[in-house]
Each structure stands twice: as C-alpha cells, then as structure tokens.
Amino acid sequence: MSQPPDVFSDVELERALSSLPQWQVVDGKLRREFVFRNFVEAFGFMTQVALVAERADHHPEWSNVYKTVRVALVTHESGGITARDVALARAMNALA
C-alpha cells in the first residue's frame, strides 16, 4: 500500500493558489464555484471531470444546482490539501 501524499505547507499552498484563478482555501479545503450557461453545460463539465477524477482515483466533493457546480477538494487520507487536489483543480480549470 502506498503512502498518502504530503499535505502542502503554507508556502506551497500559496504558490499553488497563485496559479489557480478563482480557487481559494476555505475550512481547509480548496474550493471554487463554476457557473455555466445552463444545466446541460454544468452536467457535461461534471461528466468530463468525473472521468479525469476516476483515472486519478481522486474524487471531488461537489454539488450541482442548475448551472452552478460547487467544488471542494481535499485529500482525506492525508488530512489536508495535497498535490493531488491541485492537479485536479488545474484539470477542472482546463475543462471549464
């Protein structure tokens, strides 16, 4: 069994956030709200992200109401934000 990834230090997290527009840390999780033109676009985005997340074996906490998708990322087994969360956030930005 592999070791869980290391939690980012404050410096690493600040550096990561500088390259993640619209993401912020709230309650120890990396969070962002994506707003699309309609429900179909929002759901399509979630479908694309689901495929990426499954391949990475790293699944977001998220919700969808009409055209809005709210995301919270944290690596539970590490107890904080790690490189896995930042990589998924970057993939989400690219897909949006």
N, C-alpha and C. Protein backbone atom coordinates (compact mmCIF):
# COMPACT_ATOMS: atom_id res chain seq x y z
N MET A 1 0.85 -1.18 0.00
CA MET A 1 0.00 0.00 0.00
C MET A 1 0.89 1.25 0.00
N SER A 2 0.60 2.18 -0.86
CA SER A 2 1.43 3.39 -0.97
C SER A 2 1.06 4.40 0.11
N GLN A 3 2.03 5.23 0.42
CA GLN A 3 1.83 6.29 1.41
C GLN A 3 0.94 7.38 0.83
N PRO A 4 0.09 7.98 1.65
CA PRO A 4 -0.69 9.12 1.15
C PRO A 4 0.24 10.30 0.87
N PRO A 5 -0.16 11.17 -0.08
CA PRO A 5 0.69 12.32 -0.40
C PRO A 5 0.80 13.28 0.78
N ASP A 6 1.90 14.03 0.80
CA ASP A 6 2.13 15.01 1.87
C ASP A 6 1.21 16.21 1.72
N VAL A 7 0.75 16.71 2.85
CA VAL A 7 -0.06 17.94 2.88
C VAL A 7 0.86 19.10 2.54
N PHE A 8 0.35 20.02 1.74
CA PHE A 8 1.13 21.21 1.35
C PHE A 8 1.41 22.09 2.56
N SER A 9 2.61 22.66 2.58
CA SER A 9 2.93 23.69 3.56
C SER A 9 2.19 24.97 3.15
N ASP A 10 2.18 25.95 4.02
CA ASP A 10 1.54 27.23 3.69
C ASP A 10 2.19 27.86 2.45
N VAL A 11 3.51 27.77 2.35
CA VAL A 11 4.22 28.34 1.21
C VAL A 11 3.85 27.60 -0.08
N GLU A 12 3.83 26.28 -0.04
CA GLU A 12 3.45 25.50 -1.22
C GLU A 12 2.01 25.80 -1.63
N LEU A 13 1.14 25.95 -0.65
CA LEU A 13 -0.26 26.23 -0.94
C LEU A 13 -0.42 27.62 -1.57
N GLU A 14 0.28 28.61 -1.06
CA GLU A 14 0.24 29.96 -1.65
C GLU A 14 0.73 29.94 -3.08
N ARG A 15 1.81 29.23 -3.32
CA ARG A 15 2.36 29.12 -4.67
C ARG A 15 1.35 28.45 -5.60
N ALA A 16 0.71 27.40 -5.14
CA ALA A 16 -0.30 26.69 -5.95
C ALA A 16 -1.49 27.60 -6.24
N LEU A 17 -1.95 28.32 -5.23
CA LEU A 17 -3.10 29.21 -5.41
C LEU A 17 -2.82 30.32 -6.42
N SER A 18 -1.58 30.76 -6.50
CA SER A 18 -1.24 31.83 -7.44
C SER A 18 -1.44 31.38 -8.89
N SER A 19 -1.45 30.07 -9.11
CA SER A 19 -1.66 29.56 -10.47
C SER A 19 -3.05 28.95 -10.64
N LEU A 20 -3.93 29.17 -9.68
CA LEU A 20 -5.29 28.63 -9.75
C LEU A 20 -6.31 29.75 -9.60
N PRO A 21 -6.58 30.45 -10.69
CA PRO A 21 -7.55 31.56 -10.62
C PRO A 21 -8.90 31.08 -10.07
N GLN A 22 -9.47 31.90 -9.21
CA GLN A 22 -10.80 31.72 -8.62
C GLN A 22 -10.89 30.62 -7.57
N TRP A 23 -9.79 29.94 -7.27
CA TRP A 23 -9.79 28.94 -6.21
C TRP A 23 -9.36 29.62 -4.91
N GLN A 24 -9.88 29.14 -3.81
CA GLN A 24 -9.47 29.65 -2.51
C GLN A 24 -9.55 28.53 -1.48
N VAL A 25 -8.87 28.73 -0.37
CA VAL A 25 -8.93 27.76 0.71
C VAL A 25 -9.96 28.25 1.72
N VAL A 26 -10.94 27.40 1.98
CA VAL A 26 -12.00 27.68 2.96
C VAL A 26 -12.18 26.42 3.79
N ASP A 27 -12.08 26.57 5.11
CA ASP A 27 -12.26 25.43 6.02
C ASP A 27 -11.35 24.26 5.66
N GLY A 28 -10.11 24.57 5.26
CA GLY A 28 -9.13 23.53 4.99
C GLY A 28 -9.30 22.78 3.69
N LYS A 29 -10.16 23.30 2.82
CA LYS A 29 -10.39 22.66 1.52
C LYS A 29 -10.19 23.67 0.41
N LEU A 30 -9.75 23.19 -0.73
CA LEU A 30 -9.59 24.01 -1.92
C LEU A 30 -10.96 24.10 -2.59
N ARG A 31 -11.49 25.32 -2.73
CA ARG A 31 -12.87 25.50 -3.20
C ARG A 31 -12.97 26.44 -4.38
N ARG A 32 -13.96 26.13 -5.22
CA ARG A 32 -14.29 27.02 -6.34
C ARG A 32 -15.73 26.77 -6.75
N GLU A 33 -16.33 27.81 -7.28
CA GLU A 33 -17.67 27.71 -7.86
C GLU A 33 -17.55 27.96 -9.36
N PHE A 34 -18.07 27.05 -10.15
CA PHE A 34 -18.10 27.19 -11.61
C PHE A 34 -19.54 27.50 -12.01
N VAL A 35 -19.72 28.51 -12.85
CA VAL A 35 -21.06 28.86 -13.33
C VAL A 35 -21.05 28.75 -14.85
N PHE A 36 -21.99 27.98 -15.37
CA PHE A 36 -22.10 27.72 -16.80
C PHE A 36 -23.35 28.41 -17.36
N ARG A 37 -23.56 28.29 -18.64
CA ARG A 37 -24.72 28.94 -19.26
C ARG A 37 -26.03 28.24 -18.92
N ASN A 38 -25.96 26.93 -18.65
CA ASN A 38 -27.18 26.19 -18.36
C ASN A 38 -26.83 24.86 -17.69
N PHE A 39 -27.86 24.11 -17.35
CA PHE A 39 -27.69 22.84 -16.67
C PHE A 39 -26.91 21.83 -17.51
N VAL A 40 -27.19 21.77 -18.79
CA VAL A 40 -26.52 20.80 -19.65
C VAL A 40 -25.02 21.03 -19.66
N GLU A 41 -24.58 22.29 -19.76
CA GLU A 41 -23.14 22.58 -19.72
C GLU A 41 -22.54 22.22 -18.36
N ALA A 42 -23.25 22.52 -17.29
CA ALA A 42 -22.76 22.19 -15.94
C ALA A 42 -22.61 20.68 -15.78
N PHE A 43 -23.62 19.95 -16.22
CA PHE A 43 -23.59 18.50 -16.08
C PHE A 43 -22.54 17.88 -17.00
N GLY A 44 -22.38 18.45 -18.20
CA GLY A 44 -21.33 17.98 -19.10
C GLY A 44 -19.94 18.17 -18.49
N PHE A 45 -19.72 19.31 -17.84
CA PHE A 45 -18.47 19.57 -17.15
C PHE A 45 -18.24 18.51 -16.07
N MET A 46 -19.27 18.24 -15.29
CA MET A 46 -19.14 17.24 -14.22
C MET A 46 -18.82 15.87 -14.79
N THR A 47 -19.39 15.54 -15.91
CA THR A 47 -19.11 14.25 -16.55
C THR A 47 -17.65 14.16 -16.98
N GLN A 48 -17.14 15.22 -17.60
CA GLN A 48 -15.74 15.25 -18.01
C GLN A 48 -14.81 15.14 -16.81
N VAL A 49 -15.12 15.87 -15.75
CA VAL A 49 -14.29 15.84 -14.54
C VAL A 49 -14.35 14.46 -13.90
N ALA A 50 -15.52 13.84 -13.91
CA ALA A 50 -15.67 12.51 -13.31
C ALA A 50 -14.71 11.51 -13.96
N LEU A 51 -14.54 11.60 -15.27
CA LEU A 51 -13.63 10.69 -15.96
C LEU A 51 -12.18 10.93 -15.55
N VAL A 52 -11.80 12.19 -15.45
CA VAL A 52 -10.44 12.54 -15.00
C VAL A 52 -10.23 12.09 -13.55
N ALA A 53 -11.20 12.38 -12.70
CA ALA A 53 -11.09 12.03 -11.28
C ALA A 53 -11.00 10.52 -11.08
N GLU A 54 -11.76 9.78 -11.84
CA GLU A 54 -11.72 8.31 -11.71
C GLU A 54 -10.36 7.76 -12.12
N ARG A 55 -9.81 8.28 -13.22
CA ARG A 55 -8.46 7.84 -13.64
C ARG A 55 -7.42 8.15 -12.58
N ALA A 56 -7.57 9.29 -11.91
CA ALA A 56 -6.62 9.71 -10.88
C ALA A 56 -6.92 9.07 -9.53
N ASP A 57 -8.05 8.39 -9.43
CA ASP A 57 -8.53 7.83 -8.16
C ASP A 57 -8.56 8.90 -7.07
N HIS A 58 -9.08 10.07 -7.47
CA HIS A 58 -9.18 11.19 -6.55
C HIS A 58 -10.49 11.93 -6.85
N HIS A 59 -11.44 11.82 -5.97
CA HIS A 59 -12.80 12.25 -6.26
C HIS A 59 -13.19 13.51 -5.48
N PRO A 60 -13.79 14.46 -6.16
CA PRO A 60 -14.13 15.74 -5.51
C PRO A 60 -15.38 15.63 -4.65
N GLU A 61 -15.47 16.53 -3.71
CA GLU A 61 -16.75 16.81 -3.05
C GLU A 61 -17.36 17.90 -3.90
N TRP A 62 -18.58 17.69 -4.38
CA TRP A 62 -19.17 18.71 -5.23
C TRP A 62 -20.67 18.62 -5.22
N SER A 63 -21.28 19.71 -5.68
CA SER A 63 -22.74 19.75 -5.81
C SER A 63 -23.08 20.55 -7.05
N ASN A 64 -24.26 20.29 -7.57
CA ASN A 64 -24.74 20.96 -8.77
C ASN A 64 -26.16 21.42 -8.54
N VAL A 65 -26.40 22.71 -8.76
CA VAL A 65 -27.74 23.27 -8.77
C VAL A 65 -27.86 24.07 -10.05
N TYR A 66 -28.73 23.60 -10.92
CA TYR A 66 -28.96 24.19 -12.22
C TYR A 66 -27.64 24.40 -12.97
N LYS A 67 -27.16 25.63 -13.09
CA LYS A 67 -25.96 25.89 -13.90
C LYS A 67 -24.71 26.11 -13.06
N THR A 68 -24.80 25.85 -11.77
CA THR A 68 -23.68 26.10 -10.86
C THR A 68 -23.14 24.80 -10.28
N VAL A 69 -21.82 24.65 -10.33
CA VAL A 69 -21.15 23.50 -9.73
C VAL A 69 -20.21 24.03 -8.65
N ARG A 70 -20.40 23.58 -7.43
CA ARG A 70 -19.53 23.97 -6.31
C ARG A 70 -18.62 22.79 -5.99
N VAL A 71 -17.33 23.08 -5.86
CA VAL A 71 -16.33 22.04 -5.67
C VAL A 71 -15.52 22.30 -4.41
N ALA A 72 -15.22 21.23 -3.68
CA ALA A 72 -14.29 21.27 -2.55
C ALA A 72 -13.33 20.10 -2.72
N LEU A 73 -12.04 20.40 -2.68
CA LEU A 73 -11.02 19.37 -2.85
C LEU A 73 -10.15 19.28 -1.61
N VAL A 74 -9.95 18.06 -1.14
CA VAL A 74 -9.05 17.77 -0.03
C VAL A 74 -8.68 16.30 -0.13
N THR A 75 -7.46 15.98 0.25
CA THR A 75 -7.03 14.59 0.25
C THR A 75 -7.30 14.03 1.64
N HIS A 76 -8.40 13.32 1.78
CA HIS A 76 -8.85 12.88 3.10
C HIS A 76 -7.82 12.02 3.83
N GLU A 77 -7.18 11.09 3.11
CA GLU A 77 -6.23 10.20 3.79
C GLU A 77 -4.98 10.93 4.26
N SER A 78 -4.72 12.12 3.70
CA SER A 78 -3.58 12.93 4.14
C SER A 78 -3.99 13.96 5.18
N GLY A 79 -5.28 14.28 5.24
CA GLY A 79 -5.76 15.25 6.21
C GLY A 79 -5.55 16.69 5.79
N GLY A 80 -5.48 16.95 4.48
CA GLY A 80 -5.31 18.32 4.02
C GLY A 80 -5.17 18.39 2.52
N ILE A 81 -4.79 19.55 2.03
CA ILE A 81 -4.64 19.80 0.60
C ILE A 81 -3.26 19.31 0.15
N THR A 82 -3.26 18.54 -0.94
CA THR A 82 -2.02 17.97 -1.46
C THR A 82 -1.91 18.26 -2.96
N ALA A 83 -0.83 17.76 -3.54
CA ALA A 83 -0.61 17.91 -4.98
C ALA A 83 -1.74 17.27 -5.78
N ARG A 84 -2.37 16.24 -5.25
CA ARG A 84 -3.49 15.59 -5.95
C ARG A 84 -4.65 16.57 -6.12
N ASP A 85 -4.92 17.37 -5.10
CA ASP A 85 -6.00 18.35 -5.17
C ASP A 85 -5.68 19.44 -6.17
N VAL A 86 -4.46 19.90 -6.15
CA VAL A 86 -4.04 20.96 -7.07
C VAL A 86 -4.10 20.46 -8.51
N ALA A 87 -3.67 19.23 -8.75
CA ALA A 87 -3.72 18.67 -10.10
C ALA A 87 -5.16 18.56 -10.59
N LEU A 88 -6.08 18.14 -9.72
CA LEU A 88 -7.48 18.04 -10.13
C LEU A 88 -8.08 19.43 -10.34
N ALA A 89 -7.71 20.38 -9.52
CA ALA A 89 -8.18 21.76 -9.71
C ALA A 89 -7.72 22.31 -11.06
N ARG A 90 -6.47 22.05 -11.41
CA ARG A 90 -5.95 22.52 -12.71
C ARG A 90 -6.71 21.85 -13.86
N ALA A 91 -6.98 20.56 -13.72
CA ALA A 91 -7.73 19.85 -14.76
C ALA A 91 -9.14 20.43 -14.88
N MET A 92 -9.76 20.76 -13.76
CA MET A 92 -11.10 21.36 -13.79
C MET A 92 -11.07 22.71 -14.48
N ASN A 93 -10.08 23.52 -14.17
CA ASN A 93 -9.97 24.83 -14.84
C ASN A 93 -9.83 24.64 -16.35
N ALA A 94 -9.03 23.67 -16.75
CA ALA A 94 -8.83 23.43 -18.18
C ALA A 94 -10.13 22.97 -18.85
N LEU A 95 -10.90 22.14 -18.17
CA LEU A 95 -12.16 21.64 -18.73
C LEU A 95 -13.25 22.69 -18.75
N ALA A 96 -13.19 23.62 -17.81
CA ALA A 96 -14.23 24.67 -17.75
C ALA A 96 -14.02 25.66 -18.87
